[in-house]
Amino acid sequence: MQKSALVPGGLGTDAGPMIAPDTKDWTWVLERPCPECGLDTASFDREDVGRLLRENAAEWQRVLAREDVRERPAADVWSPLEYACHVRDACRIFLGRLESMLSTTDPEFPNWDQDRTAVEADYASQDPARVAAELTEAAARLATAFDSVSGSAWQRTGRRSDGARFTVETFARYFLHDPVHHLHDVS
């Protein structure tokens, strides 16, 4: 899940070249463990997603305090700060999607161009201390929302515009892989 290829002829921010968009369909993590980060999304109870997300957010606090937080390990790989900004924004986006799943019948999620967001929000120039606080808040809000799910609500559905379908349970498991995997990316 590491951003690792340059966009041909692409111009990036002051931090360096633009990272090539990640076009993989990561829904396979619902079927088997991730060979890169090791997360098996079937290995935990769905009711544990909130707790696991909070624990992950706590680990990001240590990453964001590192002296090398702005350094890209390679010109075409996000820095720890850029990954943290993405995790923060993913928590925000997925909270809206979860709320939609819980209040609307089988919603289709609006597209989110995460790579465009990284450039437009200038992830590389953001303040690590502020990102740490915002990531903690966004993760806590999403964790609380997952904590509130019970009973048949776990089976409510939603879908992406590419046809990928989720229940709240598979959505929770799929989402958790993202911050876990990106923490692995920066470790």
Protein backbone atom coordinates (compact mmCIF):
# COMPACT_ATOMS: atom_id res chain seq x y z
CA MET A 1 0.00 0.00 0.00
CA GLN A 2 3.06 2.15 -0.09
CA LYS A 3 2.92 5.05 -2.52
CA SER A 4 5.91 4.20 -4.64
CA ALA A 5 5.84 5.29 -8.25
CA LEU A 6 6.20 8.67 -9.85
CA VAL A 7 3.51 10.06 -12.07
CA PRO A 8 5.19 10.38 -15.48
CA GLY A 9 5.86 14.06 -16.03
CA GLY A 10 4.01 14.84 -12.82
CA LEU A 11 4.82 17.83 -10.71
CA GLY A 12 4.58 17.48 -7.00
CA THR A 13 4.58 19.91 -4.13
CA ASP A 14 7.72 21.53 -2.76
CA ALA A 15 8.34 18.24 -0.95
CA GLY A 16 9.10 16.51 -4.22
CA PRO A 17 7.54 14.65 -7.09
CA MET A 18 3.90 13.69 -7.12
CA ILE A 19 3.24 10.18 -5.92
CA ALA A 20 1.50 7.91 -8.41
CA PRO A 21 -2.10 7.19 -7.48
CA ASP A 22 -2.74 3.91 -5.71
CA THR A 23 -5.13 2.13 -8.04
CA LYS A 24 -5.18 -1.25 -6.28
CA ASP A 25 -8.46 -2.64 -5.01
CA TRP A 26 -7.57 -3.43 -1.39
CA THR A 27 -10.84 -5.24 -0.63
CA TRP A 28 -8.91 -8.53 -0.82
CA VAL A 29 -7.78 -7.82 2.76
CA LEU A 30 -11.22 -9.08 3.78
CA GLU A 31 -10.32 -12.52 2.43
CA ARG A 32 -6.73 -13.07 3.55
CA PRO A 33 -4.03 -11.52 5.75
CA CYS A 34 -1.97 -8.70 4.30
CA PRO A 35 1.51 -10.07 3.50
CA GLU A 36 3.07 -6.61 3.98
CA CYS A 37 1.68 -5.40 7.32
CA GLY A 38 0.50 -8.77 8.63
CA LEU A 39 -3.03 -7.68 9.57
CA ASP A 40 -5.63 -10.42 9.32
CA THR A 41 -8.96 -8.58 9.26
CA ALA A 42 -10.74 -11.75 10.38
CA SER A 43 -8.58 -12.10 13.51
CA PHE A 44 -10.46 -9.67 15.78
CA ASP A 45 -14.04 -9.20 16.90
CA ARG A 46 -15.95 -6.48 15.08
CA GLU A 47 -16.68 -4.87 18.44
CA ASP A 48 -12.92 -4.34 18.87
CA VAL A 49 -12.55 -2.02 15.86
CA GLY A 50 -13.01 1.15 17.94
CA ARG A 51 -10.42 0.08 20.50
CA LEU A 52 -7.96 -1.00 17.81
CA LEU A 53 -8.38 2.30 15.99
CA ARG A 54 -7.69 4.27 19.18
CA GLU A 55 -4.57 2.17 19.84
CA ASN A 56 -3.39 2.80 16.29
CA ALA A 57 -3.95 6.56 16.68
CA ALA A 58 -1.80 6.50 19.82
CA GLU A 59 1.05 4.94 17.83
CA TRP A 60 0.76 7.72 15.24
CA GLN A 61 1.50 10.23 18.01
CA ARG A 62 4.98 8.73 18.38
CA VAL A 63 5.51 8.78 14.62
CA LEU A 64 4.51 12.44 14.40
CA ALA A 65 7.02 13.35 17.13
CA ARG A 66 9.95 11.89 15.19
CA GLU A 67 12.64 14.22 13.91
CA ASP A 68 12.41 12.67 10.44
CA VAL A 69 8.62 13.09 10.19
CA ARG A 70 8.89 15.25 7.04
CA GLU A 71 11.50 13.11 5.29
CA ARG A 72 10.48 10.89 2.44
CA PRO A 73 12.40 7.61 2.47
CA ALA A 74 12.53 7.95 -1.33
CA ALA A 75 11.43 10.74 -3.63
CA ASP A 76 8.42 8.73 -4.71
CA VAL A 77 7.28 7.53 -1.23
CA TRP A 78 5.23 9.58 1.21
CA SER A 79 6.86 10.88 4.38
CA PRO A 80 5.50 9.81 7.77
CA LEU A 81 3.76 13.20 7.98
CA GLU A 82 2.05 12.69 4.63
CA TYR A 83 0.90 9.21 5.66
CA ALA A 84 -0.45 10.60 8.94
CA CYS A 85 -2.40 13.30 7.09
CA HIS A 86 -3.89 10.60 4.89
CA VAL A 87 -4.89 8.49 7.91
CA ARG A 88 -6.51 11.54 9.54
CA ASP A 89 -8.47 12.32 6.38
CA ALA A 90 -9.42 8.67 5.85
CA CYS A 91 -10.92 8.64 9.36
CA ARG A 92 -12.97 11.72 8.48
CA ILE A 93 -14.16 10.31 5.15
CA PHE A 94 -15.02 6.91 6.61
CA LEU A 95 -16.96 8.50 9.47
CA GLY A 96 -19.21 10.16 6.90
CA ARG A 97 -19.56 6.88 5.01
CA LEU A 98 -20.37 4.96 8.20
CA GLU A 99 -22.98 7.54 9.20
CA SER A 100 -24.49 7.23 5.72
CA MET A 101 -24.61 3.43 5.97
CA LEU A 102 -26.35 3.64 9.34
CA SER A 103 -28.94 6.22 8.24
CA THR A 104 -29.56 5.48 4.55
CA THR A 105 -30.49 2.32 2.71
CA ASP A 106 -27.52 1.01 0.71
CA PRO A 107 -25.82 4.35 -0.02
CA GLU A 108 -23.26 4.79 -2.77
CA PHE A 109 -20.20 6.55 -1.43
CA PRO A 110 -18.98 9.61 -3.29
CA ASN A 111 -15.55 9.15 -4.81
CA TRP A 112 -12.60 10.39 -2.78
CA ASP A 113 -9.44 11.12 -4.69
CA GLN A 114 -6.98 10.64 -1.84
CA ASP A 115 -4.01 11.50 -4.03
CA ARG A 116 -5.54 14.80 -5.15
CA THR A 117 -6.36 15.58 -1.52
CA ALA A 118 -2.71 15.02 -0.57
CA VAL A 119 -1.56 17.56 -3.15
CA GLU A 120 -4.34 20.12 -2.65
CA ALA A 121 -4.04 20.01 1.15
CA ASP A 122 -0.23 20.12 0.85
CA TYR A 123 0.25 17.27 3.30
CA ALA A 124 4.02 17.72 3.24
CA SER A 125 3.80 21.24 4.68
CA GLN A 126 1.33 20.60 7.48
CA ASP A 127 2.30 21.05 11.13
CA PRO A 128 3.02 17.64 12.71
CA ALA A 129 1.69 18.69 16.14
CA ARG A 130 -1.57 19.86 14.64
CA VAL A 131 -1.86 16.71 12.53
CA ALA A 132 -1.28 14.64 15.69
CA ALA A 133 -4.18 16.36 17.44
CA GLU A 134 -6.44 16.17 14.41
CA LEU A 135 -5.66 12.50 13.77
CA THR A 136 -6.42 11.68 17.40
CA GLU A 137 -9.74 13.52 17.20
CA ALA A 138 -10.76 12.02 13.85
CA ALA A 139 -9.84 8.49 14.96
CA ALA A 140 -11.71 8.94 18.26
CA ARG A 141 -14.85 10.13 16.48
CA LEU A 142 -14.78 7.19 14.08
CA ALA A 143 -13.96 4.75 16.89
CA THR A 144 -16.92 6.03 18.90
CA ALA A 145 -19.17 5.61 15.88
CA PHE A 146 -17.99 2.01 15.43
CA ASP A 147 -18.46 1.42 19.17
CA SER A 148 -22.11 2.47 18.85
CA VAL A 149 -22.93 -0.16 16.21
CA SER A 150 -24.82 -3.18 17.49
CA GLY A 151 -27.12 -5.98 16.44
CA SER A 152 -28.43 -5.95 12.90
CA ALA A 153 -26.80 -2.58 12.18
CA TRP A 154 -23.57 -4.50 11.49
CA GLN A 155 -25.28 -5.94 8.40
CA ARG A 156 -26.41 -2.62 6.88
CA THR A 157 -24.86 -2.08 3.47
CA GLY A 158 -23.09 0.54 1.39
CA ARG A 159 -21.14 0.53 -1.84
CA ARG A 160 -18.42 2.30 -3.71
CA SER A 161 -18.98 3.63 -7.21
CA ASP A 162 -16.67 0.90 -8.54
CA GLY A 163 -19.15 -1.74 -7.38
CA ALA A 164 -17.39 -2.86 -4.19
CA ARG A 165 -20.07 -3.68 -1.61
CA PHE A 166 -19.70 -3.63 2.15
CA THR A 167 -21.68 -4.39 5.26
CA VAL A 168 -20.87 -2.19 8.24
CA GLU A 169 -18.85 -5.12 9.58
CA THR A 170 -16.76 -5.63 6.41
CA PHE A 171 -16.45 -1.85 6.07
CA ALA A 172 -15.00 -1.66 9.62
CA ARG A 173 -12.53 -4.46 8.96
CA TYR A 174 -11.55 -3.04 5.54
CA PHE A 175 -11.04 0.43 7.01
CA LEU A 176 -8.90 -0.73 9.93
CA HIS A 177 -6.38 -2.18 7.52
CA ASP A 178 -5.62 1.32 6.18
CA PRO A 179 -4.19 2.95 9.33
CA VAL A 180 -2.52 -0.31 10.40
CA HIS A 181 -0.88 -0.74 7.02
CA HIS A 182 0.30 2.85 6.86
CA LEU A 183 1.76 2.62 10.36
CA HIS A 184 3.72 -0.36 9.02
CA ASP A 185 4.77 1.77 6.03
CA VAL A 186 6.41 4.34 8.30
CA SER A 187 7.96 1.89 10.77
